[in-house]
Protein backbone atom coordinates (compact mmCIF):
# COMPACT_ATOMS: atom_id res chain seq x y z
CA MET A 1 62.42 110.58 101.45
CA LYS A 2 60.34 111.39 105.00
CA PRO A 3 62.57 110.87 108.24
CA PHE A 4 63.11 107.83 110.05
CA THR A 5 63.34 107.07 113.06
CA LEU A 6 66.31 104.64 115.45
CA ALA A 7 65.64 103.18 118.77
CA LEU A 8 67.83 103.88 121.28
CA PRO A 9 68.53 101.39 124.29
CA ALA A 10 68.07 102.65 128.11
CA ASP A 11 71.39 102.25 128.24
CA TYR A 12 72.46 104.10 125.09
CA ARG A 13 75.74 106.42 126.12
CA LEU A 14 74.46 109.60 124.20
CA GLN A 15 77.63 111.19 124.85
CA ASP A 16 80.51 108.77 123.96
CA VAL A 17 78.75 109.27 120.47
CA LEU A 18 78.40 113.06 120.48
CA ALA A 19 82.14 113.31 122.01
CA PHE A 20 83.27 110.94 118.16
CA HIS A 21 82.00 113.27 116.28
CA ARG A 22 82.99 116.03 118.01
CA ARG A 23 86.62 115.51 117.47
CA ASP A 24 87.03 118.24 115.08
CA THR A 25 87.11 121.67 116.76
CA GLU A 26 86.36 123.43 113.03
CA SER A 27 83.13 121.52 112.23
CA ILE A 28 83.27 121.08 108.69
CA ALA A 29 81.58 118.47 107.90
CA GLU A 30 80.18 116.72 111.36
CA GLU A 31 77.86 119.85 113.92
CA VAL A 32 77.18 118.18 117.34
CA SER A 33 74.91 120.04 119.95
CA ALA A 34 73.46 118.27 122.47
CA GLU A 35 69.98 117.80 121.00
CA ARG A 36 71.28 117.06 117.25
CA LEU A 37 73.87 115.43 115.35
CA ARG A 38 74.37 116.51 111.83
CA LYS A 39 76.41 115.02 109.18
CA GLY A 40 77.50 114.88 105.51
CA VAL A 41 77.62 113.03 103.39
CA LEU A 42 78.53 112.60 99.45
CA LEU A 43 75.45 109.38 98.37
CA ASP A 44 76.11 108.08 94.75
CA GLY A 45 77.64 111.58 94.47
CA VAL A 46 74.52 113.62 95.95
CA PRO A 47 75.55 116.45 98.94
CA VAL A 48 73.44 115.57 101.82
CA VAL A 49 73.60 116.12 105.02
CA LEU A 50 72.06 113.65 107.91
CA ASP A 51 70.11 116.00 110.48
CA ILE A 52 69.33 113.00 113.69
CA ALA A 53 67.39 114.81 116.61
CA LEU A 54 68.28 113.45 119.89
CA PRO A 55 66.93 112.67 123.20
CA ALA A 56 67.78 113.99 125.75
CA ALA A 57 68.61 110.10 127.41
CA GLY A 58 68.33 106.02 126.40
CA GLY A 59 65.86 104.45 125.08
CA ALA A 60 64.08 106.66 123.52
CA ASP A 61 63.87 107.77 119.48
CA ALA A 62 66.48 109.53 117.51
CA ILE A 63 65.04 111.63 114.93
CA CYS A 64 66.94 111.24 111.23
CA THR A 65 65.68 113.59 108.63
CA LEU A 66 67.33 113.96 104.72
CA HIS A 67 68.18 117.08 103.50
CA ALA A 68 69.78 116.40 100.16
CA ASP A 69 70.85 118.83 96.82
CA GLY A 70 70.12 116.67 94.68
CA ALA A 71 67.13 113.36 94.62
CA LEU A 72 68.44 110.74 96.18
CA THR A 73 67.86 107.03 94.77
CA LYS A 74 66.46 104.23 96.74
CA SER A 75 70.00 103.01 96.93
CA ALA A 76 71.14 106.63 98.33
CA GLN A 77 68.34 106.24 100.67
CA GLN A 78 69.39 102.57 101.80
CA GLN A 79 72.55 104.49 102.23
CA ALA A 80 72.04 107.36 104.11
CA HIS A 81 69.53 104.76 106.85
CA GLU A 82 72.67 102.35 106.83
CA ALA A 83 74.99 105.57 107.49
CA ALA A 84 72.60 106.79 110.76
CA ILE A 85 72.77 103.26 112.12
CA SER A 86 76.77 103.56 112.31
CA ILE A 87 77.38 107.28 113.43
CA LEU A 88 74.49 106.27 116.15
CA GLY A 89 77.02 103.64 116.99
CA LEU A 90 73.95 101.17 116.71
CA ARG A 91 75.83 97.83 115.03
CA ILE A 92 77.53 96.53 117.37
CA ASP A 93 74.91 95.08 120.60
CA PRO A 94 77.17 94.95 123.69
CA ALA A 95 75.11 92.95 125.30
CA PRO A 96 77.10 89.18 123.71
CA PHE A 97 80.11 90.22 124.93
CA SER A 98 79.17 91.31 128.34
CA ALA A 99 77.90 88.42 129.17
CA PHE A 100 81.42 86.66 127.58
CA THR A 101 83.62 88.94 130.08
CA LYS A 102 81.66 88.32 133.01
CA LYS A 103 83.85 86.32 135.14
CA ASP A 104 86.72 87.19 132.69
CA LYS A 105 89.39 87.98 135.77
CA LEU A 106 92.00 90.74 132.87
CA LEU A 107 88.48 92.89 131.70
CA GLY A 108 85.04 91.96 133.93
CA ALA A 109 86.35 93.97 136.43
CA LEU A 110 86.58 97.29 133.53
CA ILE A 111 83.60 96.42 131.55
CA ARG A 112 81.38 96.45 134.32
CA ARG A 113 82.61 99.89 134.79
CA GLN A 114 81.94 100.49 131.48
CA PRO A 115 78.16 99.44 130.94
CA GLY A 116 77.16 99.76 127.12
CA LEU A 117 79.57 101.39 126.35
CA ARG A 118 78.86 100.78 122.44
CA ILE A 119 81.08 101.08 118.85
CA VAL A 120 80.67 104.19 116.83
CA GLN A 121 81.77 103.75 112.85
CA SER A 122 81.82 106.29 109.82
CA ALA A 123 78.94 107.03 107.52
CA THR A 124 80.73 105.35 105.43
CA VAL A 125 83.15 102.68 104.25
CA PHE A 126 85.12 104.38 101.97
CA GLU A 127 85.28 107.22 105.41
CA ALA A 128 86.48 104.33 107.40
CA LEU A 129 89.42 103.01 105.82
CA THR A 130 90.30 106.69 104.42
CA TRP A 131 90.89 107.75 108.32
CA ALA A 132 92.23 104.96 108.66
CA ILE A 133 95.04 105.85 106.48
CA ILE A 134 95.00 109.33 107.24
CA GLY A 135 95.44 108.37 110.48
CA GLN A 136 98.35 105.54 110.41
CA GLN A 137 101.66 106.46 112.71
CA ILE A 138 100.80 110.29 113.45
CA ASN A 139 98.90 111.36 116.86
CA LEU A 140 95.32 112.21 116.42
CA THR A 141 95.19 116.33 116.65
CA PHE A 142 97.65 115.73 113.31
CA ALA A 143 95.36 112.73 112.09
CA ILE A 144 92.57 115.52 112.27
CA ALA A 145 93.88 118.47 110.42
CA LEU A 146 94.89 115.95 107.89
CA ARG A 147 91.14 115.00 107.08
CA ARG A 148 89.88 118.24 107.91
CA THR A 149 92.35 118.70 104.37
CA PHE A 150 91.17 115.83 103.00
CA ILE A 151 87.36 117.02 102.90
CA LEU A 152 88.18 120.59 101.74
CA GLN A 153 89.83 119.33 98.98
CA ALA A 154 88.07 116.14 97.93
CA GLY A 155 84.15 116.50 99.88
CA ARG A 156 81.22 118.78 97.76
CA GLN A 157 79.46 121.88 100.18
CA HIS A 158 76.27 121.56 100.85
CA SER A 159 74.24 123.76 100.09
CA SER A 160 74.17 124.40 103.87
CA GLY A 161 77.39 125.35 103.85
CA LEU A 162 78.07 122.09 105.76
CA TRP A 163 80.47 120.01 103.84
CA CYS A 164 80.43 116.08 103.03
CA TYR A 165 83.13 113.98 103.62
CA PRO A 166 84.04 112.41 100.31
CA ASP A 167 83.18 109.23 98.30
CA ALA A 168 85.62 107.62 96.35
CA ARG A 169 85.33 109.46 93.38
CA SER A 170 85.82 112.69 94.02
CA ALA A 171 88.56 111.64 95.99
CA ALA A 172 90.13 109.72 92.94
CA ALA A 173 90.02 113.26 90.96
CA LEU A 174 93.08 114.73 93.28
CA SER A 175 96.74 115.24 92.01
CA LEU A 176 99.21 113.76 94.05
CA GLU A 177 100.54 117.59 94.98
CA ASP A 178 97.11 118.65 95.94
CA LEU A 179 97.74 116.44 99.29
CA THR A 180 101.80 116.59 99.28
CA THR A 181 101.19 120.08 99.44
CA ARG A 182 99.53 120.67 102.05
CA LYS A 183 100.90 117.96 105.07
CA PHE A 184 100.40 114.83 103.73
CA SER A 185 103.73 112.40 103.31
CA ARG A 186 104.03 111.03 99.98
CA ALA A 187 103.04 108.13 101.11
CA LYS A 188 100.32 108.45 102.66
CA ALA A 189 99.14 110.26 99.90
CA GLU A 190 99.18 107.48 97.33
CA THR A 191 98.04 105.22 99.70
CA LEU A 192 94.46 107.52 99.60
CA LEU A 193 94.43 107.49 95.64
CA ARG A 194 95.38 104.04 95.26
CA LEU A 195 92.51 102.59 97.16
CA ALA A 196 89.91 106.31 95.63
CA GLN A 197 91.17 104.87 92.19
CA LEU A 198 90.33 101.10 93.05
CA VAL A 199 87.32 102.08 94.28
CA THR A 200 86.08 104.09 91.36
CA ASP A 201 87.86 102.11 89.23
CA GLY A 202 85.72 99.13 90.68
CA GLU A 203 88.75 96.59 91.08
CA LEU A 204 88.29 96.82 94.75
CA GLN A 205 84.69 96.03 95.23
CA LEU A 206 83.63 97.06 99.37
CA ASP A 207 80.42 96.13 99.85
CA VAL A 208 79.44 93.08 101.55
CA THR A 209 78.01 90.66 99.43
CA PRO A 210 76.74 86.14 98.98
CA ALA A 211 80.01 86.76 96.61
CA ASN A 212 82.11 89.14 98.44
CA SER A 213 82.36 88.73 101.47
CA ILE A 214 84.59 90.00 104.69
CA GLU A 215 87.07 87.90 104.81
CA GLN A 216 87.29 88.97 100.57
CA ILE A 217 87.00 92.21 100.98
CA SER A 218 90.41 91.85 103.75
CA SER A 219 92.17 89.76 101.83
CA ALA A 220 91.26 92.55 98.77
CA LEU A 221 92.70 95.50 100.88
CA LEU A 222 96.12 94.24 102.09
CA ALA A 223 96.55 93.56 98.05
CA VAL A 224 96.02 97.07 98.59
CA LYS A 225 99.73 98.97 98.49
CA GLY A 226 100.57 100.44 101.79
CA ILE A 227 97.21 99.30 103.57
CA GLY A 228 98.67 96.77 106.15
CA PRO A 229 96.50 94.94 108.82
CA TRP A 230 96.01 97.42 111.52
CA THR A 231 94.44 99.51 108.57
CA VAL A 232 92.48 96.83 107.32
CA ASN A 233 91.41 96.00 111.08
CA TYR A 234 90.45 99.36 111.83
CA GLY A 235 88.79 99.95 108.28
CA LEU A 236 86.57 96.55 109.26
CA LEU A 237 85.84 98.26 112.70
CA ARG A 238 84.64 101.54 111.89
CA GLY A 239 83.25 101.25 108.69
CA TYR A 240 81.45 97.76 109.27
CA GLY A 241 81.15 97.23 112.70
CA TYR A 242 82.50 94.06 112.68
CA ALA A 243 82.95 92.17 115.78
CA ASP A 244 85.87 90.42 115.93
CA CYS A 245 88.81 92.49 114.40
CA SER A 246 92.03 92.17 116.56
CA LEU A 247 93.60 95.47 117.06
CA HIS A 248 96.58 94.17 118.59
CA GLY A 249 99.26 96.94 116.50
CA ASP A 250 97.38 99.49 118.22
CA VAL A 251 99.51 101.38 120.72
CA ALA A 252 96.84 102.77 122.18
CA ILE A 253 95.94 99.20 123.22
CA ARG A 254 99.17 98.26 124.47
CA ALA A 255 99.19 100.93 126.69
CA ALA A 256 96.15 99.96 128.18
CA LEU A 257 97.03 96.60 128.64
CA GLN A 258 99.47 97.76 130.50
CA MET A 259 97.48 99.59 132.57
CA LEU A 260 95.40 96.81 133.34
CA LEU A 261 98.20 94.09 134.04
CA GLY A 262 100.71 96.34 136.12
CA GLU A 263 103.41 95.92 134.34
CA GLU A 264 106.35 98.63 133.72
CA ALA A 265 105.93 98.22 129.90
CA LYS A 266 103.60 97.52 126.69
CA PRO A 267 103.33 94.07 125.77
CA ASP A 268 104.33 93.51 122.57
CA ILE A 269 101.94 92.83 118.67
CA LYS A 270 102.77 88.95 118.90
CA ARG A 271 101.80 88.89 122.72
CA THR A 272 98.92 91.14 122.55
CA GLU A 273 97.20 89.33 119.67
CA GLN A 274 97.65 85.91 121.77
CA ILE A 275 95.60 87.83 124.34
CA LEU A 276 93.10 89.98 122.56
CA ALA A 277 92.68 86.29 120.48
CA GLN A 278 90.83 84.88 124.33
CA TYR A 279 88.12 87.48 123.58
CA SER A 280 86.93 86.18 119.68
CA PRO A 281 84.69 86.13 118.58
CA HIS A 282 84.08 89.68 119.83
CA ARG A 283 88.01 91.23 119.93
CA THR A 284 85.69 94.49 118.82
CA MET A 285 84.57 95.47 121.97
CA ALA A 286 87.47 94.86 123.94
CA ALA A 287 89.15 97.34 121.36
CA ALA A 288 86.56 99.31 122.42
CA HIS A 289 86.28 98.71 126.41
CA LEU A 290 90.26 99.04 125.97
CA TRP A 291 90.39 102.25 124.35
CA ALA A 292 88.15 103.45 126.79
CA SER A 293 89.69 102.84 129.76
CA LEU A 294 92.37 104.88 128.47
CA HIS A 295 89.90 108.08 129.10
CA PRO A 296 87.30 107.50 131.47
CA ARG A 297 83.99 109.47 131.93
CA ASP A 298 83.38 111.49 134.64
CA ASP A 299 80.92 109.83 135.73
CA GLN A 300 82.67 106.22 135.60
C-alpha cells in the first residue's frame, strides 16, 4: 500500500495528540517524537506499524506509511486508514460544539480558552474497549502498567521491534492465569477475556453497519457481564468517535465540574448526567473540555 496523506486543520493541536500516545513511557506499542508517530496494531492478524510523519504545525498534511509483516487485504488497508484518522483525533470536528456553546454560561469561557481541542481515538474499537475495561476503577499509572502487560501477553511483535496491540483473537487465546498472575484482578481478567471470546466467535459484532447501529452495539456491550455504562460510553468515545457519549460516571468529569461550579463537593452522578444532557448531541466534546480543564496547557 502506498503512503497516504491526511490533511490537518490550521488549528490542529499536535501536542495534545502526541501527549495522549506518549502516556506509556516505555513505548512498547507506540513511539512518539515531535516529527513522527509510530503505532503497532494487528490488522486481520498481520503485525502492522502505522508510521505517521507529522508537520511542525497544523494546516499541513500528515504522511502515513504502513509497514506490514505480511500481505494486507483491502479490508486491512481500509482499517489502517481508519486507524490513522482515529489516532490523529480527526473523527470529530470541534467547530459545531464551539458554535453550540458560544454563549454557554458554564462551559463557554472554558471552550474559548481551549480552541481546536479534539478527542483522540484508539487505533481500533477493540483496543478502546479493552483499555476501558483495564482502566476501570484504578489509577492511570496502574492502568498503563496493566495495558503494557496485556500487550506483551497477547500482542505480536513487529519485525521492527515495536509491539502490536492485540486483536480479539489473540486476546481470546490467553488463559485467566496469564492475566491474574500479572496483577489483573480476576473480575477484570474475566471481563477482558469474555469480550475477546464473544468478538472472536462472532457473537458480538463491533462494526457499525446498516443492520448494526451504535445503539445496538451499546446494548450488546451492556449485556456482557462486567461491562457497565461508563465502559460502554468510554469505548464509544475512544473507539468510534461517537459525538454524544455521556461520561457522567467519570470521576474526573465530576471533579472538573466541581471546579467550574465552585462547589465544595463533586456533583453526584445523577446531577452530572443532567448537566451533561444540556450539551447533547455534543456530550463527547463537553467531556473532552472538562478533562482538559484539569490539565491546562502551558500556552493557555
